[in-house]
Amino acid sequence: MEKKFAISGNNWSRGDLVKIDCSDYDVPAERGIGIILASALESNRQGQLFPAYYVFNLSLQTAKKYYLYDLEIISKI
């Protein structure tokens, strides 16, 4: 039997509830709950090595671009 390998997509959509855990070396950590607003598409020439989404952070009351490694799905629509 042949093994099949595939990378599964996240298929996140507008309105999904996410947990935000963002920490960079030069800014304080951001944690909270957010709602996916839209996909942040980068240049078509480069592809999407690090996919990102615009998320409305409920604790900060602002929309910001977050990379998928900073997000965790809590609930999908």
C-alpha atoms as a PDB file:
ATOM      1  CA  MET A   1       0.000   0.000   0.000  1.00  0.00           C
ATOM      2  CA  GLU A   2       1.342   3.386  -1.017  1.00  0.00           C
ATOM      3  CA  LYS A   3       1.486   6.179   1.543  1.00  0.00           C
ATOM      4  CA  LYS A   4       0.004   9.502   0.526  1.00  0.00           C
ATOM      5  CA  PHE A   5       1.276  12.711   2.015  1.00  0.00           C
ATOM      6  CA  ALA A   6      -0.568  16.014   1.849  1.00  0.00           C
ATOM      7  CA  ILE A   7      -0.590  19.350   3.552  1.00  0.00           C
ATOM      8  CA  SER A   8      -4.034  20.169   4.813  1.00  0.00           C
ATOM      9  CA  GLY A   9      -5.235  23.748   4.472  1.00  0.00           C
ATOM     10  CA  ASN A  10      -6.757  25.608   7.365  1.00  0.00           C
ATOM     11  CA  ASN A  11      -9.742  26.862   5.359  1.00  0.00           C
ATOM     12  CA  TRP A  12     -10.456  29.606   7.848  1.00  0.00           C
ATOM     13  CA  SER A  13     -13.241  31.980   6.932  1.00  0.00           C
ATOM     14  CA  ARG A  14     -14.725  35.306   7.942  1.00  0.00           C
ATOM     15  CA  GLY A  15     -16.417  35.177  11.334  1.00  0.00           C
ATOM     16  CA  ASP A  16     -14.356  32.336  12.811  1.00  0.00           C
ATOM     17  CA  LEU A  17     -13.446  32.839  16.470  1.00  0.00           C
ATOM     18  CA  VAL A  18      -9.711  32.562  17.217  1.00  0.00           C
ATOM     19  CA  LYS A  19      -7.373  32.691  20.181  1.00  0.00           C
ATOM     20  CA  ILE A  20      -4.493  35.149  19.678  1.00  0.00           C
ATOM     21  CA  ASP A  21      -1.079  34.440  21.181  1.00  0.00           C
ATOM     22  CA  CYS A  22       1.362  36.785  19.477  1.00  0.00           C
ATOM     23  CA  SER A  23       4.830  37.417  20.851  1.00  0.00           C
ATOM     24  CA  ASP A  24       7.771  39.085  19.137  1.00  0.00           C
ATOM     25  CA  TYR A  25      11.158  39.825  20.583  1.00  0.00           C
ATOM     26  CA  ASP A  26      10.758  43.630  20.378  1.00  0.00           C
ATOM     27  CA  VAL A  27       7.128  44.182  21.515  1.00  0.00           C
ATOM     28  CA  PRO A  28       5.061  43.011  24.493  1.00  0.00           C
ATOM     29  CA  ALA A  29       3.045  39.826  24.028  1.00  0.00           C
ATOM     30  CA  GLU A  30      -0.525  40.155  22.719  1.00  0.00           C
ATOM     31  CA  ARG A  31      -3.080  37.661  23.920  1.00  0.00           C
ATOM     32  CA  GLY A  32      -6.820  37.564  23.572  1.00  0.00           C
ATOM     33  CA  ILE A  33      -9.791  36.455  21.519  1.00  0.00           C
ATOM     34  CA  GLY A  34     -10.490  37.679  17.999  1.00  0.00           C
ATOM     35  CA  ILE A  35     -12.728  37.315  14.970  1.00  0.00           C
ATOM     36  CA  ILE A  36     -11.377  36.638  11.460  1.00  0.00           C
ATOM     37  CA  LEU A  37     -12.214  39.529   9.120  1.00  0.00           C
ATOM     38  CA  ALA A  38     -10.394  38.692   5.874  1.00  0.00           C
ATOM     39  CA  SER A  39      -7.401  36.932   4.396  1.00  0.00           C
ATOM     40  CA  ALA A  40      -4.312  39.124   4.019  1.00  0.00           C
ATOM     41  CA  LEU A  41      -3.088  38.223   0.549  1.00  0.00           C
ATOM     42  CA  GLU A  42       0.524  38.924  -0.266  1.00  0.00           C
ATOM     43  CA  SER A  43       2.041  39.333  -3.708  1.00  0.00           C
ATOM     44  CA  ASN A  44       1.041  36.625  -6.204  1.00  0.00           C
ATOM     45  CA  ARG A  45       4.636  36.406  -7.378  1.00  0.00           C
ATOM     46  CA  GLN A  46       5.911  35.229  -4.009  1.00  0.00           C
ATOM     47  CA  GLY A  47       3.112  32.888  -2.989  1.00  0.00           C
ATOM     48  CA  GLN A  48       2.034  32.441   0.599  1.00  0.00           C
ATOM     49  CA  LEU A  49       4.878  31.071   2.649  1.00  0.00           C
ATOM     50  CA  PHE A  50       3.402  32.579   5.829  1.00  0.00           C
ATOM     51  CA  PRO A  51      -0.376  33.013   5.411  1.00  0.00           C
ATOM     52  CA  ALA A  52      -1.964  35.841   7.393  1.00  0.00           C
ATOM     53  CA  TYR A  53      -5.422  37.085   8.280  1.00  0.00           C
ATOM     54  CA  TYR A  54      -6.867  40.374   9.432  1.00  0.00           C
ATOM     55  CA  VAL A  55      -8.364  39.760  12.867  1.00  0.00           C
ATOM     56  CA  PHE A  56     -10.488  42.026  15.059  1.00  0.00           C
ATOM     57  CA  ASN A  57      -8.922  41.702  18.511  1.00  0.00           C
ATOM     58  CA  LEU A  58     -11.771  41.925  21.032  1.00  0.00           C
ATOM     59  CA  SER A  59      -9.537  42.922  23.944  1.00  0.00           C
ATOM     60  CA  LEU A  60      -7.755  45.737  22.041  1.00  0.00           C
ATOM     61  CA  GLN A  61     -10.845  46.723  19.992  1.00  0.00           C
ATOM     62  CA  THR A  62      -8.724  47.021  16.833  1.00  0.00           C
ATOM     63  CA  ALA A  63      -8.208  45.092  13.599  1.00  0.00           C
ATOM     64  CA  LYS A  64      -4.684  43.913  12.866  1.00  0.00           C
ATOM     65  CA  LYS A  65      -2.847  41.466  10.601  1.00  0.00           C
ATOM     66  CA  TYR A  66      -1.779  38.259  12.338  1.00  0.00           C
ATOM     67  CA  TYR A  67       0.106  35.296  10.915  1.00  0.00           C
ATOM     68  CA  LEU A  68      -1.408  31.830  11.311  1.00  0.00           C
ATOM     69  CA  TYR A  69       1.289  30.735  13.746  1.00  0.00           C
ATOM     70  CA  ASP A  70      -0.100  33.372  16.174  1.00  0.00           C
ATOM     71  CA  LEU A  71      -3.700  32.081  15.916  1.00  0.00           C
ATOM     72  CA  GLU A  72      -5.629  29.056  17.116  1.00  0.00           C
ATOM     73  CA  ILE A  73      -9.189  28.237  16.034  1.00  0.00           C
ATOM     74  CA  ILE A  74     -11.756  28.205  18.839  1.00  0.00           C
ATOM     75  CA  SER A  75     -14.977  28.014  16.815  1.00  0.00           C
ATOM     76  CA  LYS A  76     -15.863  27.902  13.104  1.00  0.00           C
ATOM     77  CA  ILE A  77     -19.014  29.218  11.456  1.00  0.00           C
END
